[in-house]
């Protein structure tokens, strides 16, 4: 099992290698919204949706509780939805 510092380092390498997650998101609005999340929310979402880790596995890797993983995943998704919806409305993409 990796130490919490190792996991954070891995996440930073992913971010640097693909230019702030640019290659993970084709949608510029989504990419910007993702960058505005808290670091823990970003890490949880990346491990969950891009690497397919379960909450239990994320909790072990980040040395946090499963409840904290669940909260950060839920809150991160809520914030992404709000930010993307707000930006899309500003750009005239949604009614």
N, C-alpha and C. Protein backbone atom coordinates (compact mmCIF):
# COMPACT_ATOMS: atom_id res chain seq x y z
N UNK A 1 0.84 -1.18 0.00
CA UNK A 1 0.00 0.00 0.00
C UNK A 1 0.88 1.25 0.00
N UNK A 2 0.49 2.23 -0.79
CA UNK A 2 1.26 3.47 -0.86
C UNK A 2 0.91 4.39 0.29
N UNK A 3 1.86 5.18 0.69
CA UNK A 3 1.62 6.18 1.72
C UNK A 3 0.84 7.34 1.12
N UNK A 4 0.18 8.10 1.96
CA UNK A 4 -0.63 9.22 1.47
C UNK A 4 0.21 10.19 0.63
N UNK A 5 1.42 10.45 1.02
CA UNK A 5 2.29 11.33 0.25
C UNK A 5 2.59 10.80 -1.14
N UNK A 6 2.74 9.48 -1.24
CA UNK A 6 2.99 8.86 -2.54
C UNK A 6 1.80 9.02 -3.45
N UNK A 7 0.62 8.87 -2.91
CA UNK A 7 -0.60 9.00 -3.71
C UNK A 7 -0.73 10.42 -4.24
N UNK A 8 -0.50 11.39 -3.38
CA UNK A 8 -0.58 12.78 -3.81
C UNK A 8 0.46 13.04 -4.89
N UNK A 9 1.64 12.50 -4.72
CA UNK A 9 2.67 12.67 -5.74
C UNK A 9 2.22 12.07 -7.06
N UNK A 10 1.63 10.88 -7.04
CA UNK A 10 1.13 10.25 -8.25
C UNK A 10 0.09 11.13 -8.93
N UNK A 11 -0.83 11.70 -8.16
CA UNK A 11 -1.87 12.55 -8.72
C UNK A 11 -1.26 13.81 -9.34
N UNK A 12 -0.23 14.37 -8.71
CA UNK A 12 0.43 15.55 -9.26
C UNK A 12 1.12 15.21 -10.57
N UNK A 13 1.71 14.02 -10.66
CA UNK A 13 2.36 13.62 -11.90
C UNK A 13 1.34 13.49 -13.02
N UNK A 14 0.19 12.93 -12.73
CA UNK A 14 -0.86 12.82 -13.73
C UNK A 14 -1.24 14.22 -14.21
N UNK A 15 -1.38 15.13 -13.27
CA UNK A 15 -1.77 16.48 -13.62
C UNK A 15 -0.70 17.14 -14.49
N UNK A 16 0.55 17.01 -14.14
CA UNK A 16 1.62 17.64 -14.91
C UNK A 16 1.76 17.02 -16.29
N UNK A 17 1.70 15.71 -16.38
CA UNK A 17 1.91 15.03 -17.64
C UNK A 17 0.85 15.38 -18.68
N UNK A 18 -0.37 15.59 -18.26
CA UNK A 18 -1.40 15.87 -19.25
C UNK A 18 -1.87 17.32 -19.21
N UNK A 19 -1.03 18.21 -18.73
CA UNK A 19 -1.34 19.63 -18.77
C UNK A 19 -2.60 20.00 -18.03
N UNK A 20 -2.60 19.76 -16.73
CA UNK A 20 -3.75 20.10 -15.90
C UNK A 20 -4.99 19.32 -16.33
N UNK A 21 -4.83 18.08 -16.57
CA UNK A 21 -5.92 17.17 -16.94
C UNK A 21 -6.53 17.49 -18.29
N UNK A 22 -5.84 18.24 -19.13
CA UNK A 22 -6.39 18.62 -20.42
C UNK A 22 -6.82 17.42 -21.25
N UNK A 23 -6.02 16.37 -21.29
CA UNK A 23 -6.35 15.23 -22.12
C UNK A 23 -7.49 14.40 -21.54
N UNK A 24 -7.78 14.57 -20.27
CA UNK A 24 -8.88 13.84 -19.67
C UNK A 24 -10.22 14.46 -20.06
N UNK A 25 -10.22 15.72 -20.40
CA UNK A 25 -11.45 16.42 -20.72
C UNK A 25 -11.37 17.08 -22.08
N UNK A 26 -12.27 16.72 -22.97
CA UNK A 26 -12.34 17.40 -24.25
C UNK A 26 -13.11 18.71 -24.11
N UNK A 27 -14.00 18.78 -23.13
CA UNK A 27 -14.83 19.95 -22.89
C UNK A 27 -14.04 20.95 -22.05
N UNK A 28 -13.79 22.13 -22.61
CA UNK A 28 -12.99 23.15 -21.94
C UNK A 28 -13.67 23.65 -20.66
N UNK A 29 -14.99 23.77 -20.69
CA UNK A 29 -15.73 24.23 -19.52
C UNK A 29 -15.59 23.22 -18.38
N UNK A 30 -15.71 21.94 -18.70
CA UNK A 30 -15.56 20.89 -17.69
C UNK A 30 -14.14 20.88 -17.14
N UNK A 31 -13.18 21.04 -18.00
CA UNK A 31 -11.78 21.08 -17.56
C UNK A 31 -11.54 22.22 -16.58
N UNK A 32 -12.04 23.39 -16.90
CA UNK A 32 -11.85 24.54 -16.02
C UNK A 32 -12.56 24.32 -14.68
N UNK A 33 -13.78 23.80 -14.74
CA UNK A 33 -14.53 23.53 -13.51
C UNK A 33 -13.79 22.52 -12.65
N UNK A 34 -13.21 21.51 -13.28
CA UNK A 34 -12.47 20.48 -12.55
C UNK A 34 -11.27 21.08 -11.83
N UNK A 35 -10.59 22.00 -12.48
CA UNK A 35 -9.42 22.64 -11.89
C UNK A 35 -9.78 23.49 -10.67
N UNK A 36 -11.02 23.95 -10.62
CA UNK A 36 -11.46 24.80 -9.52
C UNK A 36 -11.88 24.00 -8.28
N UNK A 37 -11.98 22.69 -8.39
CA UNK A 37 -12.32 21.85 -7.23
C UNK A 37 -11.16 21.83 -6.24
N UNK A 38 -11.48 21.45 -5.02
CA UNK A 38 -10.42 21.27 -4.02
C UNK A 38 -9.57 20.08 -4.42
N UNK A 39 -8.29 20.08 -4.05
CA UNK A 39 -7.40 18.99 -4.45
C UNK A 39 -7.91 17.59 -4.06
N UNK A 40 -8.48 17.44 -2.87
CA UNK A 40 -8.97 16.13 -2.47
C UNK A 40 -10.16 15.70 -3.33
N UNK A 41 -11.02 16.64 -3.68
CA UNK A 41 -12.15 16.31 -4.55
C UNK A 41 -11.65 15.85 -5.91
N UNK A 42 -10.65 16.54 -6.44
CA UNK A 42 -10.09 16.13 -7.74
C UNK A 42 -9.48 14.75 -7.67
N UNK A 43 -8.70 14.50 -6.61
CA UNK A 43 -8.07 13.18 -6.48
C UNK A 43 -9.11 12.07 -6.40
N UNK A 44 -10.12 12.27 -5.58
CA UNK A 44 -11.16 11.26 -5.41
C UNK A 44 -11.86 11.00 -6.74
N UNK A 45 -12.19 12.06 -7.46
CA UNK A 45 -12.88 11.89 -8.75
C UNK A 45 -12.00 11.20 -9.78
N UNK A 46 -10.73 11.55 -9.81
CA UNK A 46 -9.81 10.90 -10.77
C UNK A 46 -9.69 9.42 -10.45
N UNK A 47 -9.45 9.08 -9.19
CA UNK A 47 -9.32 7.66 -8.82
C UNK A 47 -10.62 6.91 -9.10
N UNK A 48 -11.75 7.54 -8.85
CA UNK A 48 -13.02 6.88 -9.02
C UNK A 48 -13.41 6.70 -10.48
N UNK A 49 -13.39 7.78 -11.24
CA UNK A 49 -13.94 7.75 -12.59
C UNK A 49 -12.93 7.46 -13.69
N UNK A 50 -11.67 7.79 -13.48
CA UNK A 50 -10.69 7.53 -14.52
C UNK A 50 -9.91 6.24 -14.30
N UNK A 51 -9.74 5.87 -13.02
CA UNK A 51 -9.03 4.63 -12.72
C UNK A 51 -9.96 3.52 -12.25
N UNK A 52 -11.22 3.84 -11.98
CA UNK A 52 -12.21 2.83 -11.61
C UNK A 52 -12.07 2.29 -10.20
N UNK A 53 -11.42 3.01 -9.30
CA UNK A 53 -11.27 2.54 -7.93
C UNK A 53 -12.59 2.65 -7.18
N UNK A 54 -12.83 1.72 -6.28
CA UNK A 54 -13.98 1.78 -5.39
C UNK A 54 -13.65 2.70 -4.22
N UNK A 55 -14.69 3.19 -3.55
CA UNK A 55 -14.48 4.10 -2.41
C UNK A 55 -13.55 3.49 -1.38
N UNK A 56 -13.70 2.20 -1.13
CA UNK A 56 -12.86 1.51 -0.15
C UNK A 56 -11.38 1.59 -0.55
N UNK A 57 -11.11 1.38 -1.82
CA UNK A 57 -9.73 1.42 -2.32
C UNK A 57 -9.16 2.85 -2.28
N UNK A 58 -9.99 3.81 -2.63
CA UNK A 58 -9.55 5.21 -2.59
C UNK A 58 -9.22 5.59 -1.15
N UNK A 59 -10.08 5.19 -0.23
CA UNK A 59 -9.88 5.50 1.19
C UNK A 59 -8.53 4.95 1.67
N UNK A 60 -8.23 3.73 1.29
CA UNK A 60 -6.95 3.14 1.69
C UNK A 60 -5.77 3.89 1.07
N UNK A 61 -5.87 4.21 -0.20
CA UNK A 61 -4.77 4.90 -0.89
C UNK A 61 -4.51 6.29 -0.32
N UNK A 62 -5.60 6.97 0.06
CA UNK A 62 -5.46 8.34 0.55
C UNK A 62 -5.40 8.43 2.08
N UNK A 63 -5.53 7.28 2.73
CA UNK A 63 -5.50 7.21 4.19
C UNK A 63 -6.58 8.10 4.82
N UNK A 64 -7.79 7.99 4.28
CA UNK A 64 -8.95 8.70 4.81
C UNK A 64 -10.10 7.71 4.93
N UNK A 65 -11.18 8.12 5.58
CA UNK A 65 -12.32 7.22 5.75
C UNK A 65 -13.12 7.10 4.45
N UNK A 66 -13.86 5.99 4.34
CA UNK A 66 -14.74 5.82 3.18
C UNK A 66 -15.80 6.91 3.15
N UNK A 67 -16.24 7.35 4.31
CA UNK A 67 -17.25 8.41 4.37
C UNK A 67 -16.69 9.71 3.78
N UNK A 68 -15.44 9.98 4.07
CA UNK A 68 -14.82 11.20 3.53
C UNK A 68 -14.66 11.09 2.01
N UNK A 69 -14.35 9.90 1.52
CA UNK A 69 -14.27 9.68 0.08
C UNK A 69 -15.64 9.92 -0.54
N UNK A 70 -16.65 9.31 0.05
CA UNK A 70 -18.02 9.45 -0.47
C UNK A 70 -18.46 10.91 -0.49
N UNK A 71 -18.20 11.63 0.59
CA UNK A 71 -18.57 13.04 0.67
C UNK A 71 -17.86 13.86 -0.41
N UNK A 72 -16.55 13.66 -0.54
CA UNK A 72 -15.79 14.44 -1.52
C UNK A 72 -16.18 14.11 -2.95
N UNK A 73 -16.53 12.86 -3.20
CA UNK A 73 -17.00 12.48 -4.53
C UNK A 73 -18.33 13.17 -4.82
N UNK A 74 -19.25 13.06 -3.87
CA UNK A 74 -20.57 13.67 -4.05
C UNK A 74 -20.46 15.18 -4.20
N UNK A 75 -19.71 15.81 -3.32
CA UNK A 75 -19.57 17.26 -3.35
C UNK A 75 -18.85 17.72 -4.62
N UNK A 76 -17.82 17.00 -5.01
CA UNK A 76 -17.10 17.34 -6.24
C UNK A 76 -18.00 17.28 -7.46
N UNK A 77 -18.81 16.23 -7.55
CA UNK A 77 -19.74 16.10 -8.67
C UNK A 77 -20.80 17.20 -8.66
N UNK A 78 -21.30 17.53 -7.48
CA UNK A 78 -22.28 18.62 -7.36
C UNK A 78 -21.68 19.94 -7.85
N UNK A 79 -20.46 20.23 -7.42
CA UNK A 79 -19.81 21.48 -7.82
C UNK A 79 -19.53 21.50 -9.31
N UNK A 80 -19.09 20.37 -9.87
CA UNK A 80 -18.86 20.31 -11.31
C UNK A 80 -20.16 20.59 -12.07
N UNK A 81 -21.23 19.98 -11.62
CA UNK A 81 -22.52 20.17 -12.28
C UNK A 81 -22.93 21.63 -12.24
N UNK A 82 -22.79 22.26 -11.07
CA UNK A 82 -23.15 23.67 -10.93
C UNK A 82 -22.29 24.57 -11.81
N UNK A 83 -21.00 24.34 -11.79
CA UNK A 83 -20.07 25.18 -12.54
C UNK A 83 -20.27 25.02 -14.05
N UNK A 84 -20.44 23.78 -14.49
CA UNK A 84 -20.63 23.53 -15.92
C UNK A 84 -21.97 24.11 -16.38
N UNK A 85 -23.02 23.91 -15.59
CA UNK A 85 -24.34 24.46 -15.95
C UNK A 85 -24.29 25.98 -16.01
N UNK A 86 -23.62 26.59 -15.04
CA UNK A 86 -23.50 28.04 -15.03
C UNK A 86 -22.72 28.58 -16.21
N UNK A 87 -21.62 27.94 -16.55
CA UNK A 87 -20.80 28.39 -17.69
C UNK A 87 -21.54 28.18 -19.02
N UNK A 88 -22.24 27.07 -19.13
CA UNK A 88 -22.95 26.76 -20.36
C UNK A 88 -24.06 27.78 -20.57
N UNK A 89 -24.76 28.16 -19.51
CA UNK A 89 -25.81 29.18 -19.63
C UNK A 89 -25.22 30.51 -20.04
N UNK A 90 -24.06 30.87 -19.48
CA UNK A 90 -23.40 32.13 -19.84
C UNK A 90 -23.03 32.17 -21.31
N UNK A 91 -22.66 31.00 -21.85
CA UNK A 91 -22.24 30.91 -23.25
C UNK A 91 -23.44 30.72 -24.19
N UNK A 92 -24.63 30.63 -23.62
CA UNK A 92 -25.81 30.47 -24.46
C UNK A 92 -26.05 29.06 -24.96
N UNK A 93 -25.44 28.09 -24.30
CA UNK A 93 -25.57 26.70 -24.75
C UNK A 93 -26.77 25.98 -24.20
N UNK A 94 -27.35 26.50 -23.13
CA UNK A 94 -28.52 25.85 -22.55
C UNK A 94 -29.59 26.92 -22.30
N UNK A 95 -30.85 26.54 -22.36
CA UNK A 95 -31.93 27.50 -22.10
C UNK A 95 -31.96 27.92 -20.65
